[in-house]
């Protein structure tokens, strides 16, 4: 730009400096940025991923197992294998009702999990955790060990259910299907002239 003639001399420390005489000019004005296009929405998740389906199937299996136990106790009238040798008629009725309620709850939660309910998924995980801990504490405090005929299938199903429903894909599916991410449907009113 030829602001001045070149300058050749020394700086304050005695070092030699040379300039070309040009003076750069920067203009600092506000520049409007182009509008950003909206981020594309992720595709909707229409099908439950395999871990969710597997976890729901395990919950349904556990529910059917509970209903089968309730039916066997109701038919046989004997709950001594589940509650001890001094089972009364009231104990048998209470055992049948408890197993039937747990079975129906598992079936309902399994259906809700497939539909994407986060609350049902968390409740199934919580119930499975409580059941596993209860079995472990009972065993450690001198209670009967879980066997194929007494508790082991239910513990195994609870562990499988926890592994499936605590997966990342199951969590993302429930979050994507939850009410917070659903877009409300708005209806437009026709104009008076149409």
N, C-alpha and C. Protein backbone atom coordinates (compact mmCIF):
# COMPACT_ATOMS: atom_id res chain seq x y z
N UNK A 1 0.81 -1.20 0.00
CA UNK A 1 0.00 0.00 0.00
C UNK A 1 0.85 1.26 0.00
N UNK A 2 2.14 1.09 0.19
CA UNK A 2 3.05 2.24 0.19
C UNK A 2 2.61 3.30 1.20
N UNK A 3 2.40 2.85 2.44
CA UNK A 3 2.02 3.80 3.48
C UNK A 3 3.17 4.74 3.78
N UNK A 4 4.37 4.18 3.74
CA UNK A 4 5.58 5.00 3.93
C UNK A 4 6.73 4.26 3.27
N UNK A 5 7.84 4.88 3.29
CA UNK A 5 9.01 4.21 2.73
C UNK A 5 9.47 3.13 3.69
N UNK A 6 10.22 2.20 3.19
CA UNK A 6 10.72 1.13 4.03
C UNK A 6 11.59 1.65 5.16
N UNK A 7 11.61 0.90 6.23
CA UNK A 7 12.34 1.34 7.41
C UNK A 7 13.39 0.29 7.71
N UNK A 8 14.62 0.71 7.82
CA UNK A 8 15.72 -0.22 8.09
C UNK A 8 16.52 0.36 9.24
N UNK A 9 16.51 -0.34 10.33
CA UNK A 9 17.25 0.17 11.48
C UNK A 9 17.39 -0.96 12.49
N UNK A 10 17.50 -0.59 13.75
CA UNK A 10 17.64 -1.55 14.83
C UNK A 10 16.53 -1.33 15.85
N UNK A 11 16.14 -2.42 16.52
CA UNK A 11 15.15 -2.26 17.58
C UNK A 11 15.85 -1.93 18.89
N UNK A 12 15.05 -1.88 19.98
CA UNK A 12 15.64 -1.49 21.26
C UNK A 12 16.65 -2.48 21.79
N UNK A 13 16.57 -3.74 21.36
CA UNK A 13 17.54 -4.74 21.82
C UNK A 13 18.77 -4.81 20.96
N UNK A 14 18.83 -3.99 19.92
CA UNK A 14 20.00 -3.97 19.06
C UNK A 14 19.89 -4.88 17.85
N UNK A 15 18.74 -5.57 17.72
CA UNK A 15 18.57 -6.45 16.55
C UNK A 15 18.19 -5.62 15.34
N UNK A 16 18.66 -6.04 14.18
CA UNK A 16 18.37 -5.32 12.95
C UNK A 16 16.95 -5.65 12.50
N UNK A 17 16.16 -4.66 12.10
CA UNK A 17 14.82 -4.86 11.57
C UNK A 17 14.71 -4.18 10.23
N UNK A 18 13.82 -4.77 9.38
CA UNK A 18 13.55 -4.18 8.07
C UNK A 18 12.05 -4.22 7.84
N UNK A 19 11.46 -3.17 7.34
CA UNK A 19 10.04 -3.15 6.96
C UNK A 19 9.94 -2.78 5.50
N UNK A 20 8.76 -3.10 4.91
CA UNK A 20 8.57 -2.77 3.50
C UNK A 20 7.76 -1.50 3.32
N UNK A 21 7.29 -0.90 4.39
CA UNK A 21 6.53 0.33 4.29
C UNK A 21 5.04 0.12 4.10
N UNK A 22 4.57 -1.13 3.98
CA UNK A 22 3.14 -1.40 3.81
C UNK A 22 2.44 -1.38 5.16
N UNK A 23 1.18 -0.93 5.16
CA UNK A 23 0.37 -0.89 6.37
C UNK A 23 -0.91 -1.69 6.11
N UNK A 24 -1.01 -2.91 6.64
CA UNK A 24 -2.24 -3.69 6.45
C UNK A 24 -3.41 -3.03 7.19
N UNK A 25 -4.59 -3.05 6.57
CA UNK A 25 -5.80 -2.47 7.17
C UNK A 25 -6.85 -3.57 7.26
N UNK A 26 -7.38 -3.78 8.44
CA UNK A 26 -8.46 -4.75 8.65
C UNK A 26 -9.74 -4.00 8.96
N UNK A 27 -10.81 -4.39 8.28
CA UNK A 27 -12.10 -3.76 8.56
C UNK A 27 -12.91 -4.73 9.42
N UNK A 28 -13.23 -4.30 10.63
CA UNK A 28 -13.96 -5.14 11.58
C UNK A 28 -15.42 -4.72 11.59
N UNK A 29 -16.14 -5.14 10.59
CA UNK A 29 -17.56 -4.82 10.50
C UNK A 29 -18.36 -6.10 10.78
N UNK A 30 -19.58 -5.94 11.23
CA UNK A 30 -20.45 -7.08 11.52
C UNK A 30 -20.89 -7.73 10.20
N UNK A 31 -20.69 -9.03 10.13
CA UNK A 31 -21.08 -9.79 8.95
C UNK A 31 -22.18 -10.75 9.37
N UNK A 32 -23.29 -10.68 8.67
CA UNK A 32 -24.40 -11.58 8.98
C UNK A 32 -24.09 -12.98 8.46
N UNK A 33 -24.19 -13.94 9.35
CA UNK A 33 -23.96 -15.33 8.94
C UNK A 33 -25.17 -15.83 8.17
N UNK A 34 -24.95 -16.69 7.20
CA UNK A 34 -26.10 -17.24 6.48
C UNK A 34 -26.93 -18.11 7.42
N UNK A 35 -28.23 -18.13 7.23
CA UNK A 35 -29.07 -18.94 8.13
C UNK A 35 -28.71 -20.42 8.03
N UNK A 36 -28.69 -21.03 9.20
CA UNK A 36 -28.35 -22.44 9.25
C UNK A 36 -29.58 -23.29 8.96
N UNK A 37 -29.45 -24.28 8.11
CA UNK A 37 -30.63 -25.15 7.89
C UNK A 37 -30.92 -25.95 9.15
N UNK A 38 -32.18 -26.25 9.41
CA UNK A 38 -32.50 -27.02 10.61
C UNK A 38 -31.90 -28.41 10.54
N UNK A 39 -31.51 -28.91 11.71
CA UNK A 39 -30.92 -30.25 11.76
C UNK A 39 -31.97 -31.28 11.38
N UNK A 40 -31.59 -32.25 10.58
CA UNK A 40 -32.58 -33.27 10.20
C UNK A 40 -32.99 -34.09 11.42
N UNK A 41 -34.27 -34.42 11.47
CA UNK A 41 -34.77 -35.23 12.57
C UNK A 41 -34.32 -36.67 12.37
N UNK A 42 -34.01 -37.36 13.48
CA UNK A 42 -33.64 -38.78 13.31
C UNK A 42 -34.86 -39.57 12.86
N UNK A 43 -34.62 -40.62 12.12
CA UNK A 43 -35.77 -41.42 11.67
C UNK A 43 -36.49 -42.03 12.87
N UNK A 44 -37.81 -42.10 12.81
CA UNK A 44 -38.54 -42.66 13.95
C UNK A 44 -38.23 -44.15 14.11
N UNK A 45 -38.17 -44.56 15.38
CA UNK A 45 -37.94 -45.97 15.66
C UNK A 45 -39.30 -46.65 15.68
N UNK A 46 -39.55 -47.50 14.70
CA UNK A 46 -40.85 -48.12 14.57
C UNK A 46 -40.92 -49.49 15.22
N UNK A 47 -39.81 -50.20 15.22
CA UNK A 47 -39.80 -51.55 15.77
C UNK A 47 -38.92 -51.62 17.00
N UNK A 48 -39.33 -52.44 17.94
CA UNK A 48 -38.52 -52.64 19.13
C UNK A 48 -37.25 -53.40 18.74
N UNK A 49 -36.09 -52.98 19.27
CA UNK A 49 -34.85 -53.69 18.95
C UNK A 49 -34.83 -55.07 19.63
N UNK A 50 -33.96 -55.96 19.16
CA UNK A 50 -33.92 -57.31 19.73
C UNK A 50 -33.77 -57.37 21.25
N UNK A 51 -32.92 -56.53 21.90
CA UNK A 51 -32.84 -56.64 23.36
C UNK A 51 -34.18 -56.34 24.05
N UNK A 52 -34.93 -55.38 23.50
CA UNK A 52 -36.24 -55.06 24.09
C UNK A 52 -37.20 -56.21 23.90
N UNK A 53 -37.24 -56.78 22.71
CA UNK A 53 -38.13 -57.92 22.44
C UNK A 53 -37.75 -59.10 23.33
N UNK A 54 -36.44 -59.34 23.45
CA UNK A 54 -35.99 -60.46 24.29
C UNK A 54 -36.35 -60.23 25.75
N UNK A 55 -36.12 -59.01 26.25
CA UNK A 55 -36.46 -58.71 27.64
C UNK A 55 -37.95 -58.84 27.90
N UNK A 56 -38.77 -58.38 26.95
CA UNK A 56 -40.22 -58.52 27.10
C UNK A 56 -40.63 -59.98 27.05
N UNK A 57 -39.98 -60.77 26.19
CA UNK A 57 -40.29 -62.20 26.11
C UNK A 57 -39.92 -62.91 27.42
N UNK A 58 -38.79 -62.53 27.99
CA UNK A 58 -38.37 -63.11 29.26
C UNK A 58 -39.37 -62.74 30.36
N UNK A 59 -39.80 -61.48 30.39
CA UNK A 59 -40.79 -61.05 31.39
C UNK A 59 -42.10 -61.81 31.20
N UNK A 60 -42.51 -61.98 29.94
CA UNK A 60 -43.73 -62.74 29.68
C UNK A 60 -43.56 -64.20 30.09
N UNK A 61 -42.38 -64.76 29.84
CA UNK A 61 -42.12 -66.14 30.27
C UNK A 61 -42.15 -66.28 31.77
N UNK A 62 -41.56 -65.30 32.45
CA UNK A 62 -41.59 -65.32 33.91
C UNK A 62 -43.02 -65.18 34.42
N UNK A 63 -43.82 -64.34 33.75
CA UNK A 63 -45.22 -64.18 34.13
C UNK A 63 -46.01 -65.46 33.93
N UNK A 64 -45.78 -66.13 32.79
CA UNK A 64 -46.47 -67.40 32.54
C UNK A 64 -46.05 -68.47 33.54
N UNK A 65 -44.76 -68.46 33.93
CA UNK A 65 -44.28 -69.40 34.94
C UNK A 65 -44.98 -69.16 36.28
N UNK A 66 -45.13 -67.88 36.65
CA UNK A 66 -45.83 -67.56 37.90
C UNK A 66 -47.29 -68.00 37.84
N UNK A 67 -47.93 -67.78 36.69
CA UNK A 67 -49.33 -68.21 36.56
C UNK A 67 -49.44 -69.73 36.60
N UNK A 68 -48.46 -70.43 36.02
CA UNK A 68 -48.47 -71.90 36.07
C UNK A 68 -48.32 -72.40 37.50
N UNK A 69 -47.43 -71.77 38.27
CA UNK A 69 -47.27 -72.15 39.68
C UNK A 69 -48.55 -71.89 40.44
N UNK A 70 -49.19 -70.73 40.18
CA UNK A 70 -50.46 -70.43 40.85
C UNK A 70 -51.50 -71.47 40.50
N UNK A 71 -51.57 -71.88 39.24
CA UNK A 71 -52.53 -72.90 38.84
C UNK A 71 -52.26 -74.24 39.47
N UNK A 72 -50.98 -74.65 39.54
CA UNK A 72 -50.64 -75.93 40.16
C UNK A 72 -50.98 -75.95 41.64
N UNK A 73 -50.68 -74.86 42.34
CA UNK A 73 -51.00 -74.79 43.76
C UNK A 73 -52.51 -74.79 43.96
N UNK A 74 -53.23 -74.07 43.10
CA UNK A 74 -54.69 -74.03 43.23
C UNK A 74 -55.31 -75.40 42.99
N UNK A 75 -54.79 -76.14 42.00
CA UNK A 75 -55.34 -77.46 41.68
C UNK A 75 -54.99 -78.48 42.76
N UNK A 76 -53.71 -78.46 43.19
CA UNK A 76 -53.28 -79.45 44.17
C UNK A 76 -53.72 -79.10 45.59
N UNK A 77 -53.92 -77.81 45.87
CA UNK A 77 -54.27 -77.39 47.22
C UNK A 77 -53.13 -77.52 48.20
N UNK A 78 -51.91 -77.65 47.69
CA UNK A 78 -50.74 -77.84 48.55
C UNK A 78 -49.68 -76.80 48.20
N UNK A 79 -49.35 -75.96 49.18
CA UNK A 79 -48.31 -74.96 48.99
C UNK A 79 -47.12 -75.21 49.89
N UNK A 80 -47.02 -76.45 50.41
CA UNK A 80 -45.96 -76.74 51.38
C UNK A 80 -44.57 -76.63 50.74
N UNK A 81 -44.46 -76.89 49.44
CA UNK A 81 -43.16 -76.77 48.78
C UNK A 81 -42.70 -75.33 48.64
N UNK A 82 -43.63 -74.39 48.75
CA UNK A 82 -43.29 -72.97 48.57
C UNK A 82 -43.20 -72.21 49.89
N UNK A 83 -44.07 -72.54 50.84
CA UNK A 83 -44.12 -71.75 52.09
C UNK A 83 -43.77 -72.56 53.32
N UNK A 84 -43.49 -73.83 53.20
CA UNK A 84 -43.15 -74.66 54.36
C UNK A 84 -44.19 -75.74 54.58
N UNK A 85 -43.92 -76.59 55.55
CA UNK A 85 -44.78 -77.76 55.76
C UNK A 85 -46.08 -77.44 56.47
N UNK A 86 -46.20 -76.29 57.14
CA UNK A 86 -47.42 -75.97 57.89
C UNK A 86 -48.35 -75.05 57.09
N UNK A 87 -48.58 -75.36 55.81
CA UNK A 87 -49.43 -74.53 54.96
C UNK A 87 -50.90 -74.81 55.26
N UNK A 88 -51.64 -73.75 55.53
CA UNK A 88 -53.07 -73.87 55.78
C UNK A 88 -53.83 -73.50 54.51
N UNK A 89 -55.15 -73.61 54.57
CA UNK A 89 -55.97 -73.26 53.41
C UNK A 89 -55.83 -71.78 53.08
N UNK A 90 -55.73 -70.95 54.12
CA UNK A 90 -55.55 -69.51 53.88
C UNK A 90 -54.19 -69.23 53.25
N UNK A 91 -53.18 -69.98 53.65
CA UNK A 91 -51.84 -69.81 53.07
C UNK A 91 -51.85 -70.22 51.61
N UNK A 92 -52.56 -71.30 51.30
CA UNK A 92 -52.65 -71.76 49.90
C UNK A 92 -53.33 -70.70 49.06
N UNK A 93 -54.42 -70.13 49.55
CA UNK A 93 -55.13 -69.08 48.81
C UNK A 93 -54.24 -67.86 48.61
N UNK A 94 -53.55 -67.45 49.65
CA UNK A 94 -52.66 -66.28 49.55
C UNK A 94 -51.53 -66.55 48.56
N UNK A 95 -51.00 -67.78 48.56
CA UNK A 95 -49.92 -68.13 47.62
C UNK A 95 -50.42 -68.08 46.18
N UNK A 96 -51.61 -68.63 45.95
CA UNK A 96 -52.18 -68.61 44.60
C UNK A 96 -52.39 -67.18 44.13
N UNK A 97 -52.96 -66.34 45.00
CA UNK A 97 -53.22 -64.95 44.62
C UNK A 97 -51.92 -64.18 44.38
N UNK A 98 -50.90 -64.43 45.21
CA UNK A 98 -49.62 -63.72 45.04
C UNK A 98 -48.96 -64.10 43.72
N UNK A 99 -48.91 -65.40 43.42
CA UNK A 99 -48.28 -65.83 42.17
C UNK A 99 -49.07 -65.35 40.96
N UNK A 100 -50.40 -65.38 41.06
CA UNK A 100 -51.23 -64.90 39.95
C UNK A 100 -51.03 -63.41 39.72
N UNK A 101 -50.96 -62.63 40.81
CA UNK A 101 -50.76 -61.18 40.68
C UNK A 101 -49.40 -60.87 40.06
N UNK A 102 -48.36 -61.57 40.51
CA UNK A 102 -47.01 -61.35 39.95
C UNK A 102 -46.99 -61.74 38.47
N UNK A 103 -47.65 -62.84 38.13
CA UNK A 103 -47.68 -63.28 36.73
C UNK A 103 -48.39 -62.29 35.84
N UNK A 104 -49.54 -61.79 36.28
CA UNK A 104 -50.28 -60.81 35.48
C UNK A 104 -49.51 -59.50 35.36
N UNK A 105 -48.85 -59.09 36.45
CA UNK A 105 -48.04 -57.87 36.40
C UNK A 105 -46.90 -58.01 35.40
N UNK A 106 -46.22 -59.16 35.40
CA UNK A 106 -45.13 -59.39 34.45
C UNK A 106 -45.64 -59.35 33.01
N UNK A 107 -46.79 -59.95 32.76
CA UNK A 107 -47.34 -59.94 31.40
C UNK A 107 -47.71 -58.52 30.96
N UNK A 108 -48.30 -57.75 31.85
CA UNK A 108 -48.67 -56.37 31.52
C UNK A 108 -47.43 -55.52 31.27
N UNK A 109 -46.40 -55.69 32.13
CA UNK A 109 -45.16 -54.92 31.95
C UNK A 109 -44.45 -55.32 30.66
N UNK A 110 -44.49 -56.60 30.30
CA UNK A 110 -43.85 -57.05 29.06
C UNK A 110 -44.50 -56.36 27.86
N UNK A 111 -45.81 -56.27 27.87
CA UNK A 111 -46.52 -55.59 26.77
C UNK A 111 -46.16 -54.11 26.72
N UNK A 112 -46.09 -53.48 27.89
CA UNK A 112 -45.77 -52.05 27.93
C UNK A 112 -44.33 -51.79 27.47
N UNK A 113 -43.41 -52.69 27.78
CA UNK A 113 -42.01 -52.53 27.36
C UNK A 113 -41.90 -52.59 25.85
N UNK A 114 -42.61 -53.51 25.21
CA UNK A 114 -42.57 -53.61 23.75
C UNK A 114 -43.13 -52.35 23.11
N UNK A 115 -44.09 -51.71 23.77
CA UNK A 115 -44.66 -50.48 23.23
C UNK A 115 -43.78 -49.26 23.51
N UNK A 116 -42.68 -49.42 24.27
CA UNK A 116 -41.73 -48.33 24.48
C UNK A 116 -41.89 -47.58 25.78
N UNK A 117 -42.51 -48.16 26.77
CA UNK A 117 -42.70 -47.47 28.05
C UNK A 117 -41.42 -47.52 28.88
N UNK A 118 -40.88 -46.34 29.19
CA UNK A 118 -39.70 -46.26 30.04
C UNK A 118 -40.03 -46.69 31.46
N UNK A 119 -41.20 -46.28 31.96
CA UNK A 119 -41.59 -46.62 33.33
C UNK A 119 -41.70 -48.14 33.49
N UNK A 120 -42.28 -48.82 32.51
CA UNK A 120 -42.40 -50.28 32.60
C UNK A 120 -41.03 -50.94 32.55
N UNK A 121 -40.15 -50.42 31.72
CA UNK A 121 -38.79 -50.97 31.63
C UNK A 121 -38.06 -50.83 32.95
N UNK A 122 -38.13 -49.64 33.55
CA UNK A 122 -37.45 -49.41 34.83
C UNK A 122 -38.07 -50.25 35.94
N UNK A 123 -39.39 -50.38 35.93
CA UNK A 123 -40.06 -51.18 36.96
C UNK A 123 -39.68 -52.65 36.84
N UNK A 124 -39.59 -53.17 35.62
CA UNK A 124 -39.15 -54.56 35.44
C UNK A 124 -37.72 -54.75 35.93
N UNK A 125 -36.85 -53.79 35.63
CA UNK A 125 -35.47 -53.88 36.11
C UNK A 125 -35.43 -53.85 37.64
N UNK A 126 -36.23 -52.98 38.24
CA UNK A 126 -36.26 -52.86 39.70
C UNK A 126 -36.80 -54.14 40.34
N UNK A 127 -37.89 -54.68 39.82
CA UNK A 127 -38.46 -55.91 40.37
C UNK A 127 -37.49 -57.08 40.23
N UNK A 128 -36.79 -57.15 39.11
CA UNK A 128 -35.81 -58.22 38.93
C UNK A 128 -34.66 -58.09 39.92
N UNK A 129 -34.20 -56.87 40.14
CA UNK A 129 -33.12 -56.64 41.10
C UNK A 129 -33.55 -57.04 42.50
N UNK A 130 -34.75 -56.64 42.91
CA UNK A 130 -35.25 -56.98 44.24
C UNK A 130 -35.37 -58.49 44.39
N UNK A 131 -35.87 -59.17 43.37
CA UNK A 131 -36.04 -60.61 43.45
C UNK A 131 -34.69 -61.32 43.57
N UNK A 132 -33.71 -60.89 42.78
CA UNK A 132 -32.38 -61.51 42.84
C UNK A 132 -31.73 -61.28 44.20
N UNK A 133 -31.82 -60.03 44.71
CA UNK A 133 -31.24 -59.74 46.02
C UNK A 133 -31.95 -60.51 47.13
N UNK A 134 -33.27 -60.63 47.05
CA UNK A 134 -34.01 -61.38 48.06
C UNK A 134 -33.58 -62.85 48.06
N UNK A 135 -33.42 -63.43 46.88
CA UNK A 135 -32.98 -64.83 46.80
C UNK A 135 -31.57 -64.98 47.35
N UNK A 136 -30.68 -64.03 47.04
CA UNK A 136 -29.30 -64.11 47.54
C UNK A 136 -29.25 -63.98 49.06
N UNK A 137 -30.00 -63.02 49.62
CA UNK A 137 -30.00 -62.83 51.07
C UNK A 137 -30.60 -64.05 51.76
N UNK A 138 -31.66 -64.61 51.19
CA UNK A 138 -32.28 -65.80 51.77
C UNK A 138 -31.30 -66.97 51.77
N UNK A 139 -30.55 -67.12 50.69
CA UNK A 139 -29.57 -68.21 50.60
C UNK A 139 -28.43 -67.99 51.58
N UNK A 140 -27.93 -66.75 51.69
CA UNK A 140 -26.81 -66.47 52.58
C UNK A 140 -27.18 -66.57 54.05
N UNK A 141 -28.47 -66.37 54.36
CA UNK A 141 -28.89 -66.44 55.77
C UNK A 141 -29.34 -67.85 56.16
N UNK A 142 -29.00 -68.85 55.35
CA UNK A 142 -29.28 -70.23 55.72
C UNK A 142 -30.54 -70.79 55.10
N UNK A 143 -31.19 -70.07 54.23
CA UNK A 143 -32.41 -70.56 53.58
C UNK A 143 -32.08 -71.60 52.53
N UNK A 144 -33.11 -72.13 51.89
CA UNK A 144 -32.87 -73.16 50.87
C UNK A 144 -32.18 -72.57 49.65
N UNK A 145 -31.31 -73.39 49.07
CA UNK A 145 -30.62 -72.96 47.85
C UNK A 145 -31.58 -73.07 46.68
N UNK A 146 -31.48 -72.13 45.73
CA UNK A 146 -32.35 -72.23 44.55
C UNK A 146 -32.02 -73.49 43.76
N UNK A 147 -33.06 -74.22 43.40
CA UNK A 147 -32.90 -75.42 42.58
C UNK A 147 -33.83 -75.29 41.38
N UNK A 148 -33.77 -76.27 40.49
CA UNK A 148 -34.65 -76.23 39.32
C UNK A 148 -36.11 -76.24 39.72
N UNK A 149 -36.43 -76.88 40.82
CA UNK A 149 -37.82 -76.92 41.27
C UNK A 149 -38.17 -75.80 42.23
N UNK A 150 -37.19 -75.02 42.65
CA UNK A 150 -37.47 -74.01 43.67
C UNK A 150 -36.66 -72.74 43.42
N UNK A 151 -37.13 -71.88 42.54
CA UNK A 151 -36.58 -70.53 42.42
C UNK A 151 -35.51 -70.31 41.38
N UNK A 152 -34.76 -71.34 40.98
CA UNK A 152 -33.65 -71.12 40.05
C UNK A 152 -34.12 -70.63 38.68
N UNK A 153 -35.19 -71.18 38.09
CA UNK A 153 -35.64 -70.63 36.80
C UNK A 153 -36.03 -69.15 36.88
N UNK A 154 -36.69 -68.76 37.98
CA UNK A 154 -37.09 -67.36 38.11
C UNK A 154 -35.89 -66.45 38.27
N UNK A 155 -34.86 -66.88 39.01
CA UNK A 155 -33.63 -66.08 39.16
C UNK A 155 -32.93 -65.95 37.82
N UNK A 156 -32.86 -67.05 37.08
CA UNK A 156 -32.20 -67.04 35.77
C UNK A 156 -32.93 -66.09 34.82
N UNK A 157 -34.26 -66.16 34.80
CA UNK A 157 -35.03 -65.27 33.93
C UNK A 157 -34.85 -63.81 34.34
N UNK A 158 -34.76 -63.56 35.64
CA UNK A 158 -34.57 -62.18 36.11
C UNK A 158 -33.22 -61.62 35.67
N UNK A 159 -32.19 -62.45 35.73
CA UNK A 159 -30.85 -62.01 35.30
C UNK A 159 -30.85 -61.73 33.79
N UNK A 160 -31.45 -62.64 33.01
CA UNK A 160 -31.52 -62.42 31.56
C UNK A 160 -32.31 -61.15 31.23
N UNK A 161 -33.40 -60.93 31.95
CA UNK A 161 -34.21 -59.74 31.73
C UNK A 161 -33.40 -58.47 32.01
N UNK A 162 -32.63 -58.48 33.09
CA UNK A 162 -31.82 -57.30 33.43
C UNK A 162 -30.76 -57.04 32.36
N UNK A 163 -30.14 -58.10 31.86
CA UNK A 163 -29.12 -57.92 30.82
C UNK A 163 -29.73 -57.33 29.55
N UNK A 164 -30.92 -57.79 29.19
CA UNK A 164 -31.54 -57.32 27.95
C UNK A 164 -32.04 -55.88 28.08
N UNK A 165 -32.77 -55.58 29.15
CA UNK A 165 -33.41 -54.27 29.25
C UNK A 165 -32.48 -53.16 29.72
N UNK A 166 -31.28 -53.52 30.21
CA UNK A 166 -30.33 -52.48 30.58
C UNK A 166 -29.38 -52.14 29.43
N UNK A 167 -29.59 -52.73 28.27
CA UNK A 167 -28.73 -52.46 27.12
C UNK A 167 -28.99 -51.05 26.57
N UNK A 168 -28.03 -50.54 25.84
CA UNK A 168 -28.14 -49.20 25.27
C UNK A 168 -29.29 -49.13 24.27
N UNK A 169 -29.44 -50.15 23.45
CA UNK A 169 -30.50 -50.11 22.43
C UNK A 169 -31.89 -50.13 23.05
N UNK A 170 -32.06 -50.89 24.13
CA UNK A 170 -33.36 -50.92 24.81
C UNK A 170 -33.66 -49.56 25.44
N UNK A 171 -32.63 -48.94 26.02
CA UNK A 171 -32.83 -47.62 26.64
C UNK A 171 -33.15 -46.56 25.59
N UNK A 172 -32.42 -46.58 24.47
CA UNK A 172 -32.67 -45.60 23.41
C UNK A 172 -34.06 -45.78 22.80
N UNK A 173 -34.50 -47.02 22.66
CA UNK A 173 -35.83 -47.28 22.11
C UNK A 173 -36.91 -46.70 23.03
N UNK A 174 -36.77 -46.95 24.32
CA UNK A 174 -37.76 -46.44 25.28
C UNK A 174 -37.74 -44.92 25.30
N UNK A 175 -36.54 -44.32 25.20
CA UNK A 175 -36.45 -42.86 25.22
C UNK A 175 -37.06 -42.27 23.95
N UNK A 176 -36.84 -42.93 22.80
CA UNK A 176 -37.38 -42.41 21.54
C UNK A 176 -38.89 -42.56 21.47
N UNK A 177 -39.43 -43.56 22.13
CA UNK A 177 -40.87 -43.79 22.09
C UNK A 177 -41.60 -43.10 23.23
N UNK A 178 -40.85 -42.43 24.12
CA UNK A 178 -41.46 -41.80 25.28
C UNK A 178 -42.28 -40.59 24.92
N UNK A 179 -43.15 -40.13 25.84
CA UNK A 179 -44.03 -39.00 25.54
C UNK A 179 -43.29 -37.69 25.34
N UNK A 180 -42.09 -37.55 25.89
CA UNK A 180 -41.37 -36.28 25.76
C UNK A 180 -40.89 -36.04 24.33
N UNK A 181 -40.69 -37.12 23.56
CA UNK A 181 -40.16 -36.96 22.21
C UNK A 181 -41.23 -37.07 21.14
N UNK A 182 -42.43 -37.37 21.52
CA UNK A 182 -43.50 -37.45 20.53
C UNK A 182 -43.95 -36.07 20.12
N UNK A 183 -44.09 -35.85 18.84
CA UNK A 183 -44.52 -34.54 18.36
C UNK A 183 -46.03 -34.48 18.36
N UNK A 184 -46.60 -33.43 18.92
CA UNK A 184 -48.06 -33.35 18.94
C UNK A 184 -48.61 -33.10 17.55
N UNK A 185 -49.77 -33.65 17.30
CA UNK A 185 -50.43 -33.47 16.00
C UNK A 185 -51.27 -32.20 16.08
N UNK A 186 -51.00 -31.26 15.17
CA UNK A 186 -51.78 -30.01 15.15
C UNK A 186 -52.66 -30.01 13.92
N UNK A 187 -53.86 -29.55 14.11
CA UNK A 187 -54.80 -29.48 12.99
C UNK A 187 -54.96 -28.04 12.57
N UNK A 188 -54.92 -27.83 11.28
CA UNK A 188 -55.09 -26.47 10.77
C UNK A 188 -56.56 -26.23 10.47
N UNK A 189 -57.00 -25.04 10.81
CA UNK A 189 -58.39 -24.65 10.55
C UNK A 189 -58.50 -24.15 9.10
N UNK A 190 -59.51 -24.57 8.38
CA UNK A 190 -59.66 -24.05 7.00
C UNK A 190 -60.00 -22.57 7.03
N UNK A 191 -59.51 -21.89 6.05
CA UNK A 191 -59.80 -20.45 5.98
C UNK A 191 -61.27 -20.23 5.62
N UNK A 192 -61.86 -19.07 6.04
CA UNK A 192 -63.27 -18.84 5.79
C UNK A 192 -63.62 -18.81 4.31
N UNK A 193 -62.69 -18.46 3.45
CA UNK A 193 -63.01 -18.35 2.02
C UNK A 193 -62.97 -19.68 1.29
N UNK A 194 -62.45 -20.73 1.94
CA UNK A 194 -62.32 -22.00 1.19
C UNK A 194 -63.48 -22.92 1.46
